[in-house]
N, C-alpha and C. Protein backbone atom coordinates (compact mmCIF):
# COMPACT_ATOMS: atom_id res chain seq x y z
N MET A 1 50.11 11.35 -5.59
CA MET A 1 49.50 10.54 -6.66
C MET A 1 48.89 8.86 -6.04
N THR A 2 49.59 8.75 -4.90
CA THR A 2 48.95 7.66 -4.03
C THR A 2 47.41 7.77 -3.58
N ARG A 3 47.27 9.02 -3.16
CA ARG A 3 46.08 9.24 -2.37
C ARG A 3 44.91 9.52 -3.45
N SER A 4 45.16 10.00 -4.70
CA SER A 4 43.96 10.26 -5.56
C SER A 4 43.98 8.66 -5.97
N LEU A 5 44.77 7.64 -6.14
CA LEU A 5 44.52 6.57 -6.77
C LEU A 5 43.73 5.56 -5.49
N THR A 6 43.97 5.83 -4.48
CA THR A 6 43.14 5.02 -3.07
C THR A 6 41.93 6.00 -3.25
N ILE A 7 41.54 7.02 -3.22
CA ILE A 7 40.17 7.58 -3.39
C ILE A 7 39.55 6.92 -4.80
N MET A 8 40.08 6.70 -5.78
CA MET A 8 39.54 6.23 -7.22
C MET A 8 39.09 4.98 -6.80
N CYS A 9 40.05 4.35 -6.17
CA CYS A 9 39.56 2.50 -5.78
C CYS A 9 38.59 2.67 -4.92
N ILE A 10 38.22 3.62 -3.90
CA ILE A 10 37.15 3.47 -2.94
C ILE A 10 35.93 4.07 -3.47
N ILE A 11 36.24 4.62 -4.50
CA ILE A 11 34.70 5.22 -5.37
C ILE A 11 34.33 4.03 -6.24
N ALA A 12 35.36 3.39 -6.77
CA ALA A 12 35.03 2.50 -7.61
C ALA A 12 34.57 1.17 -6.64
N LEU A 13 35.00 0.84 -5.78
CA LEU A 13 34.59 -0.28 -4.55
C LEU A 13 33.10 0.25 -4.22
N THR A 14 32.95 1.25 -3.82
CA THR A 14 31.68 1.87 -3.59
C THR A 14 30.50 1.78 -4.57
N LEU A 15 30.59 2.21 -5.83
CA LEU A 15 29.90 1.96 -7.06
C LEU A 15 29.64 0.52 -7.35
N ALA A 16 30.56 -0.49 -7.00
CA ALA A 16 30.24 -1.87 -7.47
C ALA A 16 29.38 -2.29 -6.31
N LEU A 17 29.51 -1.93 -5.05
CA LEU A 17 28.45 -2.49 -4.19
C LEU A 17 27.45 -2.05 -4.08
N MET A 18 27.36 -0.71 -4.51
CA MET A 18 25.94 -0.11 -4.87
C MET A 18 25.04 -0.56 -6.02
N THR A 19 25.77 -0.98 -7.17
CA THR A 19 24.96 -1.39 -8.24
C THR A 19 23.64 -2.33 -8.28
N PRO A 20 23.81 -3.06 -7.35
CA PRO A 20 22.42 -3.94 -7.24
C PRO A 20 21.06 -3.13 -6.71
N MET A 21 21.73 -1.91 -6.07
CA MET A 21 20.53 -1.20 -5.55
C MET A 21 20.12 -0.05 -6.21
N ILE A 22 20.63 0.28 -7.64
CA ILE A 22 20.33 1.17 -8.43
C ILE A 22 18.96 0.47 -9.26
N SER A 23 17.97 1.45 -9.29
CA SER A 23 17.04 1.07 -9.88
C SER A 23 16.87 0.87 -11.54
N HIS A 24 16.35 -0.27 -12.05
CA HIS A 24 16.27 -0.76 -13.30
C HIS A 24 15.04 -0.57 -13.80
N ALA A 25 14.35 0.23 -14.79
CA ALA A 25 13.00 -0.40 -15.59
C ALA A 25 12.95 -1.64 -16.14
N GLN A 26 11.63 -2.22 -16.06
CA GLN A 26 11.47 -3.44 -16.56
C GLN A 26 9.93 -3.41 -17.02
N LYS A 27 9.67 -4.31 -18.04
CA LYS A 27 8.25 -4.44 -18.68
C LYS A 27 7.48 -5.12 -17.27
N SER A 28 6.33 -4.93 -17.25
CA SER A 28 5.24 -5.20 -16.06
C SER A 28 4.60 -6.32 -16.60
N THR A 29 4.28 -7.49 -16.08
CA THR A 29 3.42 -8.52 -16.80
C THR A 29 2.18 -8.40 -16.06
N ASP A 30 1.82 -7.15 -15.24
CA ASP A 30 0.46 -7.22 -14.60
C ASP A 30 -0.32 -6.45 -15.50
N PRO A 31 -1.37 -7.33 -15.91
CA PRO A 31 -2.23 -6.48 -17.01
C PRO A 31 -2.70 -5.28 -16.43
N ASP A 32 -3.06 -5.09 -15.02
CA ASP A 32 -3.65 -3.67 -14.85
C ASP A 32 -2.83 -2.52 -14.50
N HIS A 33 -1.56 -2.58 -14.43
CA HIS A 33 -0.45 -1.70 -14.30
C HIS A 33 -0.11 -0.76 -15.90
N ASP A 34 0.53 0.17 -15.84
CA ASP A 34 0.70 0.96 -17.18
C ASP A 34 2.23 0.69 -17.95
N ASN A 35 2.68 -0.72 -17.82
CA ASN A 35 3.58 -1.19 -18.55
C ASN A 35 4.96 -0.74 -17.94
N MET A 36 5.09 -0.12 -16.82
CA MET A 36 6.32 0.24 -16.37
C MET A 36 6.45 -0.10 -14.54
N THR A 37 7.42 -0.52 -14.50
CA THR A 37 7.35 -0.79 -12.79
C THR A 37 8.97 -0.59 -12.55
N PHE A 38 9.46 -0.67 -11.36
CA PHE A 38 10.61 -0.29 -11.01
C PHE A 38 10.94 -1.57 -9.93
N LYS A 39 12.49 -2.18 -10.13
CA LYS A 39 13.12 -3.29 -9.59
C LYS A 39 14.11 -2.56 -8.81
N GLN A 40 14.07 -2.91 -7.68
CA GLN A 40 15.19 -2.84 -6.58
C GLN A 40 15.88 -3.93 -5.62
N SER A 41 16.47 -3.75 -5.11
CA SER A 41 17.02 -4.93 -4.17
C SER A 41 15.90 -5.30 -3.41
N SER A 42 15.89 -6.57 -3.13
CA SER A 42 14.75 -6.99 -2.01
C SER A 42 15.85 -7.12 -0.74
N MET A 43 14.88 -7.63 0.40
CA MET A 43 15.64 -7.51 1.58
C MET A 43 16.24 -8.61 2.02
N ASP A 44 16.27 -9.78 1.11
CA ASP A 44 16.99 -10.89 1.23
C ASP A 44 16.75 -11.77 0.31
N SER A 45 17.42 -12.92 -0.10
CA SER A 45 17.07 -13.76 -1.22
C SER A 45 16.01 -14.37 -1.25
N ALA A 46 15.48 -14.71 0.07
CA ALA A 46 14.19 -15.70 -0.12
C ALA A 46 13.13 -14.54 -0.44
N SER A 47 11.91 -15.00 -1.04
CA SER A 47 11.02 -14.41 -1.72
C SER A 47 10.17 -13.87 -0.32
N PRO A 48 10.30 -12.38 -0.27
CA PRO A 48 9.35 -12.11 0.97
C PRO A 48 8.02 -12.30 1.06
N VAL A 49 7.19 -11.99 2.25
CA VAL A 49 5.78 -12.16 2.15
C VAL A 49 5.38 -11.11 2.88
N VAL A 50 3.97 -10.22 2.45
CA VAL A 50 3.61 -9.32 3.27
C VAL A 50 2.15 -9.59 3.85
N GLU A 51 1.85 -9.30 4.54
CA GLU A 51 0.52 -9.43 5.25
C GLU A 51 -0.10 -8.01 5.27
N CYS A 52 -1.60 -7.96 4.63
CA CYS A 52 -1.98 -6.65 4.67
C CYS A 52 -3.71 -6.74 5.35
N GLN A 53 -3.98 -5.89 5.89
CA GLN A 53 -5.11 -5.94 6.79
C GLN A 53 -6.05 -4.91 6.06
N LEU A 54 -7.13 -5.22 5.49
CA LEU A 54 -8.09 -3.85 5.22
C LEU A 54 -9.05 -3.95 5.90
N GLN A 55 -9.47 -2.70 6.62
CA GLN A 55 -10.49 -2.19 6.90
C GLN A 55 -11.33 -1.42 6.33
N SER A 56 -12.38 -1.71 6.25
CA SER A 56 -13.53 -1.07 5.50
C SER A 56 -14.35 -0.03 6.71
N MET A 57 -14.62 1.33 6.41
CA MET A 57 -15.07 2.07 7.17
C MET A 57 -16.30 3.03 6.59
N ILE A 58 -17.18 3.55 7.40
CA ILE A 58 -18.03 4.66 6.83
C ILE A 58 -17.71 6.02 8.10
N ALA A 59 -17.61 6.87 7.10
CA ALA A 59 -17.37 8.34 7.91
C ALA A 59 -18.50 9.27 7.65
N SER A 60 -18.80 9.98 8.72
CA SER A 60 -19.75 11.09 8.59
C SER A 60 -19.43 12.23 9.48
N ASN A 61 -20.42 12.95 9.49
CA ASN A 61 -20.51 14.10 10.43
C ASN A 61 -21.56 14.12 11.45
N LYS A 62 -22.02 12.51 11.66
CA LYS A 62 -22.89 12.62 12.82
C LYS A 62 -22.15 12.29 13.93
N LYS A 63 -22.90 12.36 15.21
CA LYS A 63 -22.27 12.36 16.42
C LYS A 63 -21.64 10.86 16.53
N GLY A 64 -20.63 10.35 17.22
CA GLY A 64 -20.30 9.10 17.28
C GLY A 64 -18.90 8.74 17.59
N GLY A 65 -18.07 9.89 17.14
CA GLY A 65 -16.39 9.62 17.34
C GLY A 65 -16.06 8.23 16.39
N ILE A 66 -14.98 7.80 16.79
CA ILE A 66 -14.22 6.63 16.10
C ILE A 66 -14.67 5.51 16.99
N ASP A 67 -15.02 4.52 16.06
CA ASP A 67 -15.56 3.24 16.45
C ASP A 67 -14.35 2.58 17.43
N PRO A 68 -14.59 2.13 18.56
CA PRO A 68 -13.55 1.25 19.28
C PRO A 68 -13.07 0.23 18.54
N LYS A 69 -13.50 -0.23 17.59
CA LYS A 69 -12.98 -1.41 16.92
C LYS A 69 -11.83 -1.18 16.02
N LEU A 70 -11.59 0.64 15.77
CA LEU A 70 -10.59 0.97 15.15
C LEU A 70 -9.55 1.41 15.68
N GLY A 71 -9.26 1.30 17.10
CA GLY A 71 -8.47 1.64 17.90
C GLY A 71 -7.05 1.86 17.36
N GLU A 72 -6.72 1.07 16.53
CA GLU A 72 -5.18 0.99 16.11
C GLU A 72 -4.98 2.15 14.81
N LEU A 73 -6.11 2.30 14.30
CA LEU A 73 -6.38 3.52 13.17
C LEU A 73 -6.54 4.79 13.86
N LYS A 74 -6.73 4.81 15.14
CA LYS A 74 -7.31 6.20 15.61
C LYS A 74 -6.37 7.64 15.42
N HIS A 75 -5.25 6.97 15.44
CA HIS A 75 -4.09 8.00 15.45
C HIS A 75 -4.19 8.56 13.70
N GLU A 76 -4.31 7.85 12.57
CA GLU A 76 -4.54 8.08 11.47
C GLU A 76 -6.00 8.69 10.98
N LEU A 77 -6.94 8.51 11.73
CA LEU A 77 -8.15 9.14 11.56
C LEU A 77 -8.47 10.25 12.31
N THR A 78 -7.58 10.70 13.14
CA THR A 78 -7.67 12.18 13.98
C THR A 78 -6.98 13.24 13.01
N LYS A 79 -6.21 12.77 11.65
CA LYS A 79 -5.34 13.71 11.11
C LYS A 79 -5.87 14.22 9.90
N PRO A 80 -5.88 15.24 9.32
CA PRO A 80 -6.50 15.80 8.23
C PRO A 80 -6.05 14.99 7.24
N PRO A 81 -6.94 14.93 6.09
CA PRO A 81 -8.52 15.05 5.94
C PRO A 81 -9.39 14.43 7.03
N PHE A 82 -8.96 13.40 7.43
CA PHE A 82 -9.94 12.40 8.00
C PHE A 82 -10.69 13.14 9.36
N SER A 83 -9.68 13.97 9.90
CA SER A 83 -10.55 14.68 11.17
C SER A 83 -11.56 15.45 10.72
N ALA A 84 -11.83 15.72 9.90
CA ALA A 84 -13.00 16.61 9.47
C ALA A 84 -14.43 15.71 9.63
N PHE A 85 -14.38 14.55 9.65
CA PHE A 85 -15.54 13.60 10.08
C PHE A 85 -15.55 13.57 11.54
N SER A 86 -16.60 13.44 12.14
CA SER A 86 -16.63 13.24 13.68
C SER A 86 -17.14 11.92 13.85
N SER A 87 -17.60 11.03 12.79
CA SER A 87 -17.96 9.87 13.34
C SER A 87 -17.46 8.86 12.09
N VAL A 88 -16.57 7.56 12.62
CA VAL A 88 -16.14 6.61 11.74
C VAL A 88 -16.60 5.32 12.47
N THR A 89 -17.22 4.69 11.45
CA THR A 89 -18.11 3.44 11.80
C THR A 89 -17.00 2.16 10.99
N PHE A 90 -16.84 1.34 11.98
CA PHE A 90 -16.37 0.21 11.39
C PHE A 90 -17.29 -0.82 10.54
N LEU A 91 -17.00 -1.26 9.40
CA LEU A 91 -17.49 -2.04 8.49
C LEU A 91 -17.21 -3.60 8.47
N SER A 92 -16.00 -3.61 8.01
CA SER A 92 -15.71 -5.15 7.91
C SER A 92 -14.03 -4.96 7.88
N SER A 93 -13.54 -6.52 7.96
CA SER A 93 -11.91 -6.40 7.90
C SER A 93 -11.78 -7.70 7.24
N ASP A 94 -10.51 -7.67 6.63
CA ASP A 94 -10.26 -8.65 5.76
C ASP A 94 -8.49 -8.83 5.68
N LYS A 95 -7.83 -10.14 5.59
CA LYS A 95 -6.61 -10.12 5.60
C LYS A 95 -6.08 -10.69 4.27
N ILE A 96 -4.99 -10.58 3.68
CA ILE A 96 -4.55 -10.93 2.56
C ILE A 96 -3.04 -11.00 2.58
N ILE A 97 -2.42 -12.28 2.56
CA ILE A 97 -1.26 -12.52 2.46
C ILE A 97 -0.68 -12.75 1.22
N LEU A 98 0.57 -12.00 1.03
CA LEU A 98 1.00 -12.04 -0.58
C LEU A 98 2.55 -12.20 -0.72
N GLU A 99 2.82 -13.01 -1.55
CA GLU A 99 4.31 -13.18 -1.67
C GLU A 99 4.54 -12.33 -2.85
N LYS A 100 6.07 -12.04 -3.05
CA LYS A 100 6.22 -10.86 -3.82
C LYS A 100 5.95 -11.21 -5.07
N GLY A 101 5.24 -10.34 -5.87
CA GLY A 101 5.00 -10.59 -7.55
C GLY A 101 3.39 -10.93 -7.53
N HIS A 102 3.14 -11.44 -6.48
CA HIS A 102 1.47 -12.06 -6.55
C HIS A 102 0.79 -10.79 -6.25
N SER A 103 -0.67 -11.17 -6.47
CA SER A 103 -1.82 -10.23 -6.30
C SER A 103 -3.05 -11.09 -6.00
N ASP A 104 -4.06 -10.50 -5.02
CA ASP A 104 -5.32 -10.59 -4.87
C ASP A 104 -6.53 -9.94 -5.09
N VAL A 105 -7.44 -10.30 -5.31
CA VAL A 105 -8.58 -9.49 -5.50
C VAL A 105 -9.62 -9.72 -4.53
N ARG A 106 -10.52 -8.80 -3.89
CA ARG A 106 -11.59 -8.56 -2.94
C ARG A 106 -12.55 -7.63 -3.34
N LYS A 107 -13.84 -8.10 -2.84
CA LYS A 107 -14.91 -7.29 -3.17
C LYS A 107 -14.77 -6.39 -2.04
N LEU A 108 -15.09 -5.12 -2.18
CA LEU A 108 -15.47 -4.27 -1.44
C LEU A 108 -16.92 -3.96 -0.64
N PRO A 109 -17.27 -3.21 0.44
CA PRO A 109 -18.42 -3.09 0.63
C PRO A 109 -19.32 -2.49 -0.41
N THR A 110 -18.73 -1.45 -1.22
CA THR A 110 -18.98 -0.68 -2.18
C THR A 110 -19.32 -1.46 -3.42
N LYS A 111 -19.35 -2.95 -3.34
CA LYS A 111 -19.36 -3.67 -4.61
C LYS A 111 -18.34 -3.67 -5.63
N LYS A 112 -17.28 -2.59 -5.32
CA LYS A 112 -16.15 -2.50 -6.19
C LYS A 112 -15.17 -3.61 -6.07
N LEU A 113 -14.25 -4.08 -7.23
CA LEU A 113 -12.85 -4.91 -6.87
C LEU A 113 -11.90 -4.15 -6.50
N LEU A 114 -11.28 -4.61 -5.56
CA LEU A 114 -9.80 -4.10 -4.94
C LEU A 114 -8.98 -5.13 -5.36
N ARG A 115 -7.75 -4.54 -6.36
CA ARG A 115 -6.91 -5.73 -6.62
C ARG A 115 -5.44 -5.38 -6.07
N LEU A 116 -4.95 -5.82 -5.09
CA LEU A 116 -3.96 -5.65 -4.44
C LEU A 116 -2.49 -6.45 -4.73
N ARG A 117 -1.42 -5.80 -5.01
CA ARG A 117 -0.33 -6.76 -5.60
C ARG A 117 0.98 -6.17 -4.82
N PHE A 118 1.63 -7.16 -4.01
CA PHE A 118 2.93 -6.76 -3.62
C PHE A 118 3.87 -6.89 -4.50
N LYS A 119 4.48 -5.74 -4.82
CA LYS A 119 5.80 -5.45 -5.56
C LYS A 119 6.96 -5.91 -5.40
N GLU A 120 7.51 -5.10 -4.09
CA GLU A 120 8.64 -5.61 -3.51
C GLU A 120 8.75 -5.10 -2.14
N ALA A 121 9.69 -5.40 -1.39
CA ALA A 121 10.20 -5.07 -0.19
C ALA A 121 11.68 -4.29 -0.49
N ILE A 122 11.91 -3.30 0.11
CA ILE A 122 12.88 -2.27 -0.10
C ILE A 122 13.51 -2.00 1.02
N ALA A 123 14.96 -2.38 0.86
CA ALA A 123 15.75 -1.92 2.33
C ALA A 123 16.63 -1.11 1.82
N HIS A 124 16.67 -0.02 2.17
CA HIS A 124 17.88 0.99 2.16
C HIS A 124 18.18 1.29 3.55
N THR A 125 17.59 2.43 4.30
CA THR A 125 17.74 2.44 5.56
C THR A 125 16.95 2.12 6.62
N SER A 126 16.01 1.51 6.00
CA SER A 126 14.70 1.11 6.90
C SER A 126 13.79 0.21 5.86
N ARG A 127 12.90 -0.67 6.46
CA ARG A 127 12.08 -1.40 5.75
C ARG A 127 11.24 -0.86 5.33
N HIS A 128 10.91 -1.00 3.86
CA HIS A 128 9.55 -0.64 3.28
C HIS A 128 8.93 -1.53 2.41
N ILE A 129 7.78 -1.12 1.90
CA ILE A 129 7.09 -2.08 1.05
C ILE A 129 6.50 -1.49 -0.19
N ARG A 130 6.70 -1.94 -1.30
CA ARG A 130 5.95 -1.10 -2.46
C ARG A 130 5.01 -2.22 -2.97
N MET A 131 3.81 -1.48 -3.12
CA MET A 131 2.55 -2.19 -3.52
C MET A 131 1.97 -1.49 -4.63
N TYR A 132 1.04 -2.22 -5.14
CA TYR A 132 0.01 -1.80 -6.23
C TYR A 132 -1.22 -1.96 -6.00
N LEU A 133 -2.02 -1.03 -6.39
CA LEU A 133 -3.50 -1.44 -6.07
C LEU A 133 -4.44 -0.80 -7.23
N SER A 134 -5.37 -1.39 -7.48
CA SER A 134 -6.51 -0.84 -8.42
C SER A 134 -7.96 -1.22 -8.05
N ILE A 135 -8.62 -0.41 -8.32
CA ILE A 135 -10.24 -0.53 -7.97
C ILE A 135 -11.11 -0.47 -9.21
N ARG A 136 -11.92 -1.16 -9.49
CA ARG A 136 -12.68 -1.05 -10.44
C ARG A 136 -13.99 -1.49 -9.98
N GLU A 137 -15.15 -1.13 -11.12
CA GLU A 137 -16.69 -1.76 -11.15
C GLU A 137 -16.37 -3.28 -11.40
N ALA A 138 -17.29 -4.26 -10.70
CA ALA A 138 -17.23 -5.52 -10.93
C ALA A 138 -17.68 -6.10 -12.34
N ASN A 139 -18.26 -5.37 -12.98
CA ASN A 139 -18.81 -5.61 -14.42
C ASN A 139 -17.99 -4.87 -15.68
N ARG A 140 -16.85 -4.04 -15.18
CA ARG A 140 -16.22 -3.29 -16.08
C ARG A 140 -14.78 -3.52 -16.02
N LEU A 141 -13.88 -3.52 -17.28
CA LEU A 141 -12.76 -3.50 -17.23
C LEU A 141 -11.83 -2.06 -16.74
N SER A 142 -12.54 -0.95 -17.11
CA SER A 142 -11.86 0.24 -16.78
C SER A 142 -11.97 0.29 -15.10
N PHE A 143 -11.04 1.45 -14.89
CA PHE A 143 -10.49 1.36 -13.71
C PHE A 143 -11.12 2.50 -13.07
N ILE A 144 -11.47 2.62 -11.78
CA ILE A 144 -11.54 3.92 -11.04
C ILE A 144 -10.19 4.64 -10.52
N THR A 145 -9.52 3.99 -9.98
CA THR A 145 -8.28 4.34 -9.66
C THR A 145 -7.42 3.25 -9.82
N LYS A 146 -5.99 3.48 -9.94
CA LYS A 146 -4.72 2.60 -9.92
C LYS A 146 -3.71 3.24 -9.65
N THR A 147 -3.03 2.74 -8.69
CA THR A 147 -1.81 3.46 -8.14
C THR A 147 -0.81 2.45 -7.55
N GLU A 148 0.64 2.87 -7.74
CA GLU A 148 1.78 2.27 -6.96
C GLU A 148 1.99 3.12 -5.52
N PHE A 149 2.15 2.34 -4.47
CA PHE A 149 2.35 3.20 -3.25
C PHE A 149 3.24 2.58 -2.24
N THR A 150 4.14 3.18 -1.62
CA THR A 150 5.19 2.53 -0.66
C THR A 150 4.92 3.14 0.94
N LEU A 151 4.97 1.88 1.54
CA LEU A 151 4.48 2.16 2.99
C LEU A 151 5.86 1.51 3.65
N SER A 152 5.96 2.24 5.05
CA SER A 152 6.96 1.65 5.88
C SER A 152 6.44 0.24 6.43
N ASP A 153 7.22 -0.47 6.57
CA ASP A 153 6.92 -1.76 7.34
C ASP A 153 5.78 -1.44 8.28
N ASN A 154 4.72 -2.13 8.57
CA ASN A 154 3.63 -2.11 9.12
C ASN A 154 2.96 -0.56 9.16
N GLY A 155 3.02 0.13 8.08
CA GLY A 155 2.51 1.29 7.51
C GLY A 155 1.18 1.07 7.01
N THR A 156 0.36 2.25 7.25
CA THR A 156 -1.12 2.28 6.52
C THR A 156 -1.26 3.37 5.77
N LEU A 157 -2.06 3.08 4.76
CA LEU A 157 -2.69 4.09 3.71
C LEU A 157 -4.15 4.11 3.78
N VAL A 158 -4.90 5.23 3.99
CA VAL A 158 -6.05 5.08 4.32
C VAL A 158 -6.70 5.91 2.97
N LEU A 159 -7.64 5.44 2.21
CA LEU A 159 -8.27 5.76 1.07
C LEU A 159 -9.83 6.24 1.21
N ALA A 160 -10.02 7.56 0.69
CA ALA A 160 -11.64 8.04 1.00
C ALA A 160 -12.13 7.57 -0.35
N GLY A 161 -13.33 7.38 -0.28
CA GLY A 161 -13.90 7.20 -1.49
C GLY A 161 -15.39 7.75 -1.72
N GLU A 162 -16.28 7.04 -2.43
CA GLU A 162 -17.57 7.70 -2.75
C GLU A 162 -18.68 7.36 -1.31
N PRO A 163 -19.80 7.91 -1.83
CA PRO A 163 -20.76 7.53 -0.45
C PRO A 163 -21.50 6.48 -0.59
N ILE A 164 -21.67 5.89 0.79
CA ILE A 164 -21.99 4.73 0.99
C ILE A 164 -22.95 4.64 1.99
N THR A 165 -24.08 3.55 1.65
CA THR A 165 -25.23 3.36 2.93
C THR A 165 -25.18 2.06 3.12
N VAL A 166 -24.95 1.55 4.36
CA VAL A 166 -24.98 0.01 4.99
C VAL A 166 -26.09 0.10 5.75
N GLY A 167 -27.19 -0.39 5.58
CA GLY A 167 -28.37 -0.42 6.81
C GLY A 167 -28.68 1.11 6.97
N LYS A 168 -28.65 1.48 7.97
CA LYS A 168 -29.20 2.92 8.38
C LYS A 168 -27.92 4.24 8.63
N THR A 169 -26.75 3.32 8.49
CA THR A 169 -25.49 4.28 8.19
C THR A 169 -25.15 4.85 6.89
N SER A 170 -25.06 5.94 6.84
CA SER A 170 -24.86 6.45 5.55
C SER A 170 -23.46 7.58 5.49
N GLY A 171 -22.48 7.64 4.89
CA GLY A 171 -21.45 8.60 4.72
C GLY A 171 -20.37 8.25 3.66
N SER A 172 -19.27 8.46 4.04
CA SER A 172 -18.04 8.39 2.85
C SER A 172 -17.47 7.08 3.28
N PHE A 173 -16.98 6.43 2.19
CA PHE A 173 -16.37 4.89 2.28
C PHE A 173 -14.96 5.29 2.59
N LEU A 174 -14.45 4.93 3.66
CA LEU A 174 -12.93 4.45 3.79
C LEU A 174 -12.41 3.18 3.77
N LEU A 175 -11.39 2.99 3.35
CA LEU A 175 -10.51 2.01 3.29
C LEU A 175 -9.04 2.06 3.70
N ALA A 176 -8.48 1.26 4.70
CA ALA A 176 -7.41 1.25 5.48
C ALA A 176 -6.78 0.24 5.05
N ILE A 177 -5.50 0.45 4.58
CA ILE A 177 -4.56 -0.87 4.22
C ILE A 177 -3.42 -0.76 4.96
N THR A 178 -3.22 -1.81 5.90
CA THR A 178 -1.94 -1.70 6.93
C THR A 178 -1.15 -2.92 6.35
N CYS A 179 -0.01 -2.91 5.93
CA CYS A 179 1.06 -3.96 5.51
C CYS A 179 2.11 -4.34 6.21
N ALA A 180 2.38 -5.26 6.58
CA ALA A 180 3.52 -5.60 7.41
C ALA A 180 4.36 -7.00 6.92
N LEU A 181 5.79 -6.91 6.79
CA LEU A 181 6.54 -7.98 6.37
C LEU A 181 6.56 -8.94 7.19
N LYS A 182 6.41 -10.28 6.75
CA LYS A 182 6.36 -11.59 7.55
C LYS A 182 7.71 -12.23 7.23
């Protein structure tokens, strides 16, 4: 009897401590989102800040390899499906610093608009960052894509897009988004 009571107390205490970590659905105030988002415990009581590095590239099958300016991305760009390209050329770089719940819009080299929103920092066994992005034509309200994604702290998401020509360089547009908690 005493042992089962002890086990029940341990289970109740564990559930009480874990309750803040359990996801709860809430309405989103983000007009770009699909009315559902998930809220989990953040890493600390202060509002977290994330710094995201955006790197735009052109990938093609021309000779050239990976542009030396993309040194930190070389590991990502040599894995499938990006390893199918024999050349990746750096176009531009941009930095976005966001507080939790805030977003920023940037114009891409493709003339499309990228909206990036810092949803939350998640602390379970390691540090993760949940982000939301949307891409749309500058003069339209409909989206080409919109998605929510989770990265490890200092992790990278690489997106492949449409054909692009900049000067004499043509190929497929690539966008790398690397985010780190600050």
